[in-house]
Amino acid sequence: MIMPAGFTDRAPELTVRALNRALLDRQLLTRRSGMTAEQAIEYLVGMQAQAVNPPYVGLWTRLATFSTEELATLLRERAVVRIALMRSTLHLVSARDCLNLSPLLADMLARAAKGQFGKQVEGLEPSQIAALGSKLTEERPLTFAELGRLMAEHWPGRDPMALAQNVRNLVPLIQVPPRGYWNNSTAAAHTTATSWLGKPVEQNPSIDEYVLRYLAAFGPASVMDMQKWSGVTRLKEAFARLAPKLRTYRDERGTVLYDLADIELPDPQTPAPVRYLPDFDNILLSHANRERIMAEQYKPRVFTSNGIIRSTILVDGFVQGRWRIDRAKDLATLVVEPFARLSKKTVTALTEEGESLLRFAASDAQRRDLRFEPVG
């Protein structure tokens, strides 16, 4: 059998707990970081942003100092943008990553559009769809409903939403503010990234750079892990090219894991504080094997059949429940739903952290409360 580049039979084996502590450390969840929001978004190689508020909570739980206005300012000043990228899902990324990742992920995004909407646009050239979509959205930002209607005027009889969704994946389209502001529910309007940022997409982006950055934020990890995170396949060659910069491990299943050679792993016994993670947090979406952060038995309680990834609590570094904030008139109630029995010490820690979360996420509420549901 041909071993992967850098692999030897003596590659150290990492336990699930060791991988957990490494991931928490990389994801700024062992201790809150002094990074700015912009620095954190770039360091994390973006944050999944299918809903408006989750990235705000994701930054709050990771950073020592963060306010909703800090992220709103970054969006307003075009330092960060909301755009469909990894896994063909909406992400919040830095302007630089937008221009670099868009061409790297272009083939995957085009395949995703063809797989979902190919029949509705059969006979149309993708380049024609992209050209018209770019022209229309650069004239003025458009919602997908508006874009689809205008494109259907050009191609009568075609499904307007299929046309708009093809543009979404064939053209780097960003959502313009006020979409993306905290609690903002206005319909998303789109324009091209090049028009919004005043720069062209990178012509020769490096997948090698993103392999290294993915490992820095999510490693140690396998080739399949990065493919899961990005949606891009056939990354073995990139890992092989980078072998001199990487070190190799194995997990308890024997899967080969790679990491940056100059990063030392934390002690597996490092204490892990309780944390509240938002909906769609990338920490649950960036590995082929999620056991380093969540037991498989809990997946149906977090991943819903309609594609929602619910907000979760971390206890001793692992997913141990869900949370939500219920609003009723002037009252905001943080509801914690544990999956297993919690110790008194853990309940106290979750209460303290939860009260801080309420002050952040429900600052407008006149009254705030916290409730633990029975273990279910």
Protein backbone atom coordinates (compact mmCIF):
# COMPACT_ATOMS: atom_id res chain seq x y z
CA MET A 1 0.00 0.00 0.00
CA ILE A 2 1.30 3.48 -0.89
CA MET A 3 1.36 5.69 2.19
CA PRO A 4 0.40 9.39 1.99
CA ALA A 5 3.19 11.95 1.79
CA GLY A 6 4.93 12.39 5.12
CA PHE A 7 3.27 9.35 6.69
CA THR A 8 5.18 6.75 8.65
CA ASP A 9 4.06 3.88 10.82
CA ARG A 10 5.45 5.86 13.73
CA ALA A 11 3.18 8.85 13.18
CA PRO A 12 1.81 9.76 16.62
CA GLU A 13 -1.75 8.74 17.36
CA LEU A 14 -4.07 11.49 18.58
CA THR A 15 -7.03 10.70 20.80
CA VAL A 16 -10.41 12.33 20.31
CA ARG A 17 -9.70 14.47 23.35
CA ALA A 18 -6.34 15.60 21.94
CA LEU A 19 -8.04 16.57 18.67
CA ASN A 20 -10.76 18.34 20.61
CA ARG A 21 -8.33 20.50 22.55
CA ALA A 22 -6.37 21.30 19.39
CA LEU A 23 -9.56 22.36 17.62
CA LEU A 24 -10.76 24.49 20.52
CA ASP A 25 -7.39 26.21 20.66
CA ARG A 26 -7.35 26.92 16.91
CA GLN A 27 -10.96 28.13 17.03
CA LEU A 28 -10.29 30.66 19.82
CA LEU A 29 -12.50 28.74 22.23
CA THR A 30 -9.99 27.83 24.93
CA ARG A 31 -9.66 31.48 25.86
CA ARG A 32 -11.10 34.60 24.28
CA SER A 33 -8.71 36.20 21.81
CA GLY A 34 -7.50 39.78 21.68
CA MET A 35 -7.94 39.81 17.88
CA THR A 36 -10.16 42.36 16.21
CA ALA A 37 -13.24 41.07 14.42
CA GLU A 38 -11.58 41.60 11.05
CA GLN A 39 -8.49 39.69 12.13
CA ALA A 40 -10.58 36.83 13.49
CA ILE A 41 -12.71 36.52 10.34
CA GLU A 42 -9.57 36.32 8.23
CA TYR A 43 -7.84 33.92 10.62
CA LEU A 44 -10.89 31.60 10.66
CA VAL A 45 -11.02 31.73 6.82
CA GLY A 46 -14.54 33.04 7.08
CA MET A 47 -17.64 32.24 9.11
CA GLN A 48 -20.75 30.53 7.80
CA ALA A 49 -23.48 33.13 7.56
CA GLN A 50 -26.70 31.59 6.27
CA ALA A 51 -28.51 33.68 8.87
CA VAL A 52 -27.65 37.25 9.83
CA ASN A 53 -26.96 37.01 13.57
CA PRO A 54 -24.87 33.82 14.00
CA PRO A 55 -21.52 35.38 12.95
CA TYR A 56 -22.02 38.08 15.58
CA VAL A 57 -22.52 35.45 18.29
CA GLY A 58 -19.63 33.43 16.90
CA LEU A 59 -17.32 36.42 17.24
CA TRP A 60 -18.69 37.34 20.68
CA THR A 61 -17.92 33.86 22.01
CA ARG A 62 -14.37 33.95 20.61
CA LEU A 63 -13.16 37.52 21.21
CA ALA A 64 -12.28 39.40 24.38
CA THR A 65 -13.81 42.60 23.05
CA PHE A 66 -16.52 42.71 20.40
CA SER A 67 -19.64 44.74 19.63
CA THR A 68 -22.29 44.40 16.95
CA GLU A 69 -21.31 47.81 15.63
CA GLU A 70 -17.74 46.60 14.99
CA LEU A 71 -18.95 44.04 12.46
CA ALA A 72 -21.54 46.39 10.99
CA THR A 73 -18.76 48.92 10.37
CA LEU A 74 -16.63 46.30 8.62
CA LEU A 75 -19.54 45.47 6.32
CA ARG A 76 -20.28 49.13 5.67
CA GLU A 77 -16.63 49.88 4.91
CA ARG A 78 -16.38 46.81 2.62
CA ALA A 79 -13.61 45.22 4.68
CA VAL A 80 -15.72 42.05 4.96
CA VAL A 81 -18.51 40.74 2.74
CA ARG A 82 -21.23 38.10 2.68
CA ILE A 83 -20.91 35.75 -0.31
CA ALA A 84 -21.57 32.12 -1.29
CA LEU A 85 -18.27 30.24 -1.07
CA MET A 86 -17.33 27.04 0.77
CA ARG A 87 -19.84 24.21 0.28
CA SER A 88 -21.87 26.66 -1.85
CA THR A 89 -23.13 28.26 1.35
CA LEU A 90 -23.17 31.88 2.42
CA HIS A 91 -20.06 32.97 4.31
CA LEU A 92 -18.77 36.12 5.93
CA VAL A 93 -15.20 36.63 4.69
CA SER A 94 -12.60 39.34 4.38
CA ALA A 95 -12.45 41.28 1.13
CA ARG A 96 -9.12 39.62 0.31
CA ASP A 97 -10.49 36.13 0.85
CA CYS A 98 -13.53 36.97 -1.26
CA LEU A 99 -11.34 37.82 -4.25
CA ASN A 100 -9.04 34.83 -3.71
CA LEU A 101 -11.51 32.12 -2.81
CA SER A 102 -14.09 32.90 -5.50
CA PRO A 103 -11.93 31.62 -8.39
CA LEU A 104 -10.60 28.70 -6.34
CA LEU A 105 -14.15 27.53 -5.66
CA ALA A 106 -15.62 28.48 -9.05
CA ASP A 107 -15.77 24.95 -10.50
CA MET A 108 -17.41 23.55 -7.37
CA LEU A 109 -19.96 26.37 -7.30
CA ALA A 110 -20.78 25.89 -10.98
CA ARG A 111 -21.28 22.14 -10.45
CA ALA A 112 -23.56 22.83 -7.50
CA ALA A 113 -25.73 25.13 -9.63
CA LYS A 114 -25.86 22.61 -12.46
CA GLY A 115 -26.80 19.81 -10.08
CA GLN A 116 -29.68 21.74 -8.55
CA PHE A 117 -30.93 23.94 -11.39
CA GLY A 118 -29.34 22.50 -14.54
CA LYS A 119 -32.56 21.24 -16.12
CA GLN A 120 -34.28 24.60 -15.82
CA VAL A 121 -31.51 26.37 -17.75
CA GLU A 122 -30.71 23.57 -20.20
CA GLY A 123 -29.62 24.99 -23.55
CA LEU A 124 -28.31 28.25 -22.10
CA GLU A 125 -24.61 28.88 -21.96
CA PRO A 126 -23.32 29.47 -18.43
CA SER A 127 -21.19 32.33 -19.75
CA GLN A 128 -24.33 34.05 -21.08
CA ILE A 129 -26.12 33.65 -17.76
CA ALA A 130 -23.10 35.03 -15.92
CA ALA A 131 -22.70 37.97 -18.29
CA LEU A 132 -26.33 39.07 -18.06
CA GLY A 133 -26.44 38.54 -14.30
CA SER A 134 -23.30 40.61 -13.84
CA LYS A 135 -24.63 43.42 -16.02
CA LEU A 136 -27.96 43.61 -14.21
CA THR A 137 -26.57 43.48 -10.67
CA GLU A 138 -23.91 46.07 -11.45
CA GLU A 139 -26.56 48.49 -12.69
CA ARG A 140 -28.10 48.35 -9.22
CA PRO A 141 -28.12 45.79 -6.37
CA LEU A 142 -30.94 43.30 -6.88
CA THR A 143 -32.74 40.74 -4.79
CA PHE A 144 -32.90 37.29 -6.31
CA ALA A 145 -36.59 37.81 -7.04
CA GLU A 146 -35.79 41.02 -8.95
CA LEU A 147 -32.81 39.46 -10.72
CA GLY A 148 -34.78 36.38 -11.75
CA ARG A 149 -37.66 38.47 -13.10
CA LEU A 150 -35.33 40.64 -15.21
CA MET A 151 -33.46 37.61 -16.55
CA ALA A 152 -36.74 35.87 -17.42
CA GLU A 153 -37.64 38.89 -19.54
CA HIS A 154 -34.52 38.10 -21.57
CA TRP A 155 -35.26 34.35 -21.65
CA PRO A 156 -39.07 34.06 -21.55
CA GLY A 157 -40.42 30.80 -20.21
CA ARG A 158 -37.40 30.09 -18.01
CA ASP A 159 -37.77 29.67 -14.27
CA PRO A 160 -36.78 33.06 -12.77
CA MET A 161 -35.45 31.61 -9.51
CA ALA A 162 -33.35 29.01 -11.35
CA LEU A 163 -31.84 31.80 -13.44
CA ALA A 164 -31.05 33.88 -10.36
CA GLN A 165 -29.57 30.94 -8.48
CA ASN A 166 -27.33 30.11 -11.43
CA VAL A 167 -26.02 33.68 -11.36
CA ARG A 168 -25.37 33.28 -7.62
CA ASN A 169 -23.00 30.38 -8.32
CA LEU A 170 -21.50 31.52 -11.61
CA VAL A 171 -20.71 35.10 -10.54
CA PRO A 172 -19.12 36.20 -7.26
CA LEU A 173 -22.16 38.03 -5.84
CA ILE A 174 -22.07 39.75 -2.49
CA GLN A 175 -24.97 40.86 -0.31
CA VAL A 176 -24.87 44.61 0.16
CA PRO A 177 -25.66 46.30 3.49
CA PRO A 178 -27.95 46.78 5.32
CA ARG A 179 -28.26 43.00 4.89
CA GLY A 180 -25.81 41.53 7.36
CA TYR A 181 -26.38 44.09 10.10
CA TRP A 182 -27.40 42.72 13.50
CA ASN A 183 -31.10 41.72 13.55
CA ASN A 184 -31.58 43.02 10.01
CA SER A 185 -34.29 41.11 8.15
CA THR A 186 -34.51 43.09 4.91
CA ALA A 187 -34.37 41.09 1.69
CA ALA A 188 -30.80 40.53 0.51
CA ALA A 189 -29.75 42.61 -2.49
CA HIS A 190 -26.73 41.59 -4.54
CA THR A 191 -24.03 43.08 -6.70
CA THR A 192 -20.78 41.68 -8.07
CA ALA A 193 -17.80 41.42 -5.77
CA THR A 194 -15.57 43.17 -8.29
CA SER A 195 -17.95 46.12 -8.50
CA TRP A 196 -18.42 46.35 -4.72
CA LEU A 197 -14.73 46.00 -3.87
CA GLY A 198 -13.34 47.88 -6.86
CA LYS A 199 -10.85 45.09 -7.59
CA PRO A 200 -10.81 42.06 -9.88
CA VAL A 201 -10.77 38.52 -8.55
CA GLU A 202 -7.32 36.99 -8.21
CA GLN A 203 -6.21 35.40 -11.49
CA ASN A 204 -3.77 32.89 -9.98
CA PRO A 205 -4.99 32.09 -6.47
CA SER A 206 -3.08 29.48 -4.50
CA ILE A 207 -4.91 26.46 -3.12
CA ASP A 208 -1.71 25.71 -1.19
CA GLU A 209 -2.19 28.89 0.85
CA TYR A 210 -5.65 27.78 1.83
CA VAL A 211 -4.54 24.27 2.76
CA LEU A 212 -2.11 25.86 5.23
CA ARG A 213 -4.71 28.31 6.51
CA TYR A 214 -7.34 25.61 6.88
CA LEU A 215 -4.93 23.53 8.95
CA ALA A 216 -4.02 26.57 11.05
CA ALA A 217 -7.69 27.08 11.92
CA PHE A 218 -9.02 23.50 11.97
CA GLY A 219 -6.07 21.09 12.16
CA PRO A 220 -4.80 18.52 12.60
CA ALA A 221 -7.02 17.32 9.78
CA SER A 222 -7.24 14.88 6.92
CA VAL A 223 -7.52 15.56 3.21
CA MET A 224 -11.16 14.50 3.44
CA ASP A 225 -11.69 16.99 6.26
CA MET A 226 -10.58 19.91 4.11
CA GLN A 227 -12.64 18.63 1.22
CA LYS A 228 -15.66 18.56 3.54
CA TRP A 229 -14.98 22.14 4.67
CA SER A 230 -14.41 23.56 1.21
CA GLY A 231 -16.60 21.43 -1.02
CA VAL A 232 -13.58 21.01 -3.31
CA THR A 233 -12.31 17.53 -4.16
CA ARG A 234 -8.93 16.15 -5.32
CA LEU A 235 -6.81 17.97 -2.78
CA LYS A 236 -4.29 15.15 -2.26
CA GLU A 237 -1.83 16.75 -4.69
CA ALA A 238 -1.83 20.02 -2.74
CA PHE A 239 -1.15 18.20 0.53
CA ALA A 240 1.65 16.24 -1.17
CA ARG A 241 3.28 19.44 -2.45
CA LEU A 242 3.17 20.89 1.04
CA ALA A 243 4.61 17.80 2.75
CA PRO A 244 7.88 19.57 3.77
CA LYS A 245 5.80 22.13 5.73
CA LEU A 246 3.57 19.55 7.40
CA ARG A 247 3.78 16.94 10.10
CA THR A 248 1.70 13.79 10.15
CA TYR A 249 -0.47 12.15 12.80
CA ARG A 250 -3.08 9.42 12.94
CA ASP A 251 -6.42 9.43 14.70
CA GLU A 252 -7.73 6.45 16.66
CA ARG A 253 -9.31 5.06 13.48
CA GLY A 254 -5.99 5.17 11.65
CA THR A 255 -6.92 8.13 9.43
CA VAL A 256 -3.89 10.17 8.38
CA LEU A 257 -4.00 13.73 9.71
CA TYR A 258 -1.84 16.66 8.67
CA ASP A 259 -0.83 19.76 10.55
CA LEU A 260 1.56 22.68 10.27
CA ALA A 261 5.00 21.52 11.29
CA ASP A 262 5.65 24.51 13.55
CA ILE A 263 2.49 24.24 15.67
CA GLU A 264 2.66 22.40 18.97
CA LEU A 265 -0.52 20.74 20.17
CA PRO A 266 -2.02 21.70 23.54
CA ASP A 267 -2.11 19.29 26.43
CA PRO A 268 -5.24 17.09 26.05
CA GLN A 269 -5.99 17.80 29.71
CA THR A 270 -6.18 21.56 29.13
CA PRO A 271 -9.38 22.83 30.80
CA ALA A 272 -12.10 23.91 28.38
CA PRO A 273 -14.55 26.63 29.48
CA VAL A 274 -18.24 26.34 28.65
CA ARG A 275 -19.15 28.11 25.43
CA TYR A 276 -22.31 29.04 23.54
CA LEU A 277 -21.93 28.46 19.80
CA PRO A 278 -24.32 30.01 17.25
CA ASP A 279 -26.38 28.35 14.55
CA PHE A 280 -24.29 27.10 11.61
CA ASP A 281 -20.95 27.43 13.40
CA ASN A 282 -18.18 26.16 11.13
CA ILE A 283 -16.66 24.12 13.95
CA LEU A 284 -19.45 21.58 13.32
CA LEU A 285 -19.17 21.71 9.52
CA SER A 286 -15.48 21.49 8.76
CA HIS A 287 -14.48 17.84 9.29
CA ALA A 288 -15.58 14.60 7.67
CA ASN A 289 -15.54 13.04 11.14
CA ARG A 290 -17.14 15.32 13.76
CA GLU A 291 -16.42 13.18 16.81
CA ARG A 292 -13.67 15.59 17.91
CA ILE A 293 -16.40 18.10 18.76
CA MET A 294 -19.73 16.23 18.86
CA ALA A 295 -20.79 12.63 19.53
CA GLU A 296 -22.53 11.08 16.53
CA GLN A 297 -25.60 10.31 18.67
CA TYR A 298 -26.28 14.03 19.03
CA LYS A 299 -26.20 14.86 15.31
CA PRO A 300 -29.99 14.42 14.75
CA ARG A 301 -30.64 16.87 17.58
CA VAL A 302 -28.37 19.54 16.08
CA PHE A 303 -28.62 18.98 12.30
CA THR A 304 -32.24 19.27 11.16
CA SER A 305 -33.81 17.67 8.10
CA ASN A 306 -34.27 21.08 6.43
CA GLY A 307 -30.61 22.07 6.69
CA ILE A 308 -30.59 24.08 9.92
CA ILE A 309 -27.61 23.56 12.23
CA ARG A 310 -28.80 24.60 15.65
CA SER A 311 -26.96 26.65 18.25
CA THR A 312 -25.13 24.48 20.77
CA ILE A 313 -23.40 24.53 24.13
CA LEU A 314 -19.91 23.16 24.69
CA VAL A 315 -19.21 21.45 28.02
CA ASP A 316 -15.68 20.19 28.57
CA GLY A 317 -15.09 21.04 24.93
CA PHE A 318 -17.85 18.89 23.42
CA VAL A 319 -21.42 19.56 22.27
CA GLN A 320 -23.66 18.71 25.21
CA GLY A 321 -26.86 20.57 24.39
CA ARG A 322 -28.66 23.31 22.49
CA TRP A 323 -29.77 26.83 23.34
CA ARG A 324 -32.12 29.48 22.07
CA ILE A 325 -33.38 32.90 23.11
CA ASP A 326 -37.16 33.26 23.38
CA ARG A 327 -38.64 36.76 23.19
CA ALA A 328 -41.98 37.77 24.71
CA LYS A 329 -42.78 41.49 24.91
CA ASP A 330 -40.04 43.03 27.08
CA LEU A 331 -38.62 39.67 28.28
CA ALA A 332 -35.74 37.72 26.71
CA THR A 333 -35.25 34.19 28.03
CA LEU A 334 -32.17 32.08 27.29
CA VAL A 335 -33.35 28.46 27.20
CA VAL A 336 -30.67 25.78 27.63
CA GLU A 337 -31.54 22.23 26.56
CA PRO A 338 -28.88 19.82 27.88
CA PHE A 339 -28.45 16.43 26.24
CA ALA A 340 -27.09 14.86 29.42
CA ARG A 341 -27.13 15.58 33.13
CA LEU A 342 -24.99 18.56 34.10
CA SER A 343 -23.02 19.01 37.29
CA LYS A 344 -23.81 21.91 39.60
CA LYS A 345 -20.44 23.46 38.68
CA THR A 346 -21.32 23.27 34.98
CA VAL A 347 -24.77 24.75 35.53
CA THR A 348 -23.18 27.65 37.39
CA ALA A 349 -20.66 28.21 34.57
CA LEU A 350 -23.36 28.03 31.89
CA THR A 351 -25.49 30.45 33.88
CA GLU A 352 -22.70 33.01 34.18
CA GLU A 353 -21.76 32.69 30.51
CA GLY A 354 -25.43 32.70 29.53
CA GLU A 355 -26.11 35.93 31.39
CA SER A 356 -23.23 37.50 29.48
CA LEU A 357 -24.68 36.18 26.22
CA LEU A 358 -28.06 37.70 27.08
CA ARG A 359 -26.49 41.08 27.74
CA PHE A 360 -24.91 40.89 24.29
CA ALA A 361 -27.67 39.32 22.20
CA ALA A 362 -30.70 40.79 24.00
CA SER A 363 -29.36 44.17 25.06
CA ASP A 364 -32.64 45.80 24.10
CA ALA A 365 -34.73 43.62 26.44
CA GLN A 366 -36.00 45.27 29.60
CA ARG A 367 -35.96 41.93 31.42
CA ARG A 368 -33.75 38.89 30.94
CA ASP A 369 -34.06 35.38 32.28
CA LEU A 370 -32.34 32.00 31.90
CA ARG A 371 -33.99 28.59 32.08
CA PHE A 372 -32.62 25.04 31.93
CA GLU A 373 -34.91 22.48 30.33
CA PRO A 374 -35.06 18.93 31.72
CA VAL A 375 -32.53 16.56 30.20
CA GLY A 376 -34.09 15.11 27.08
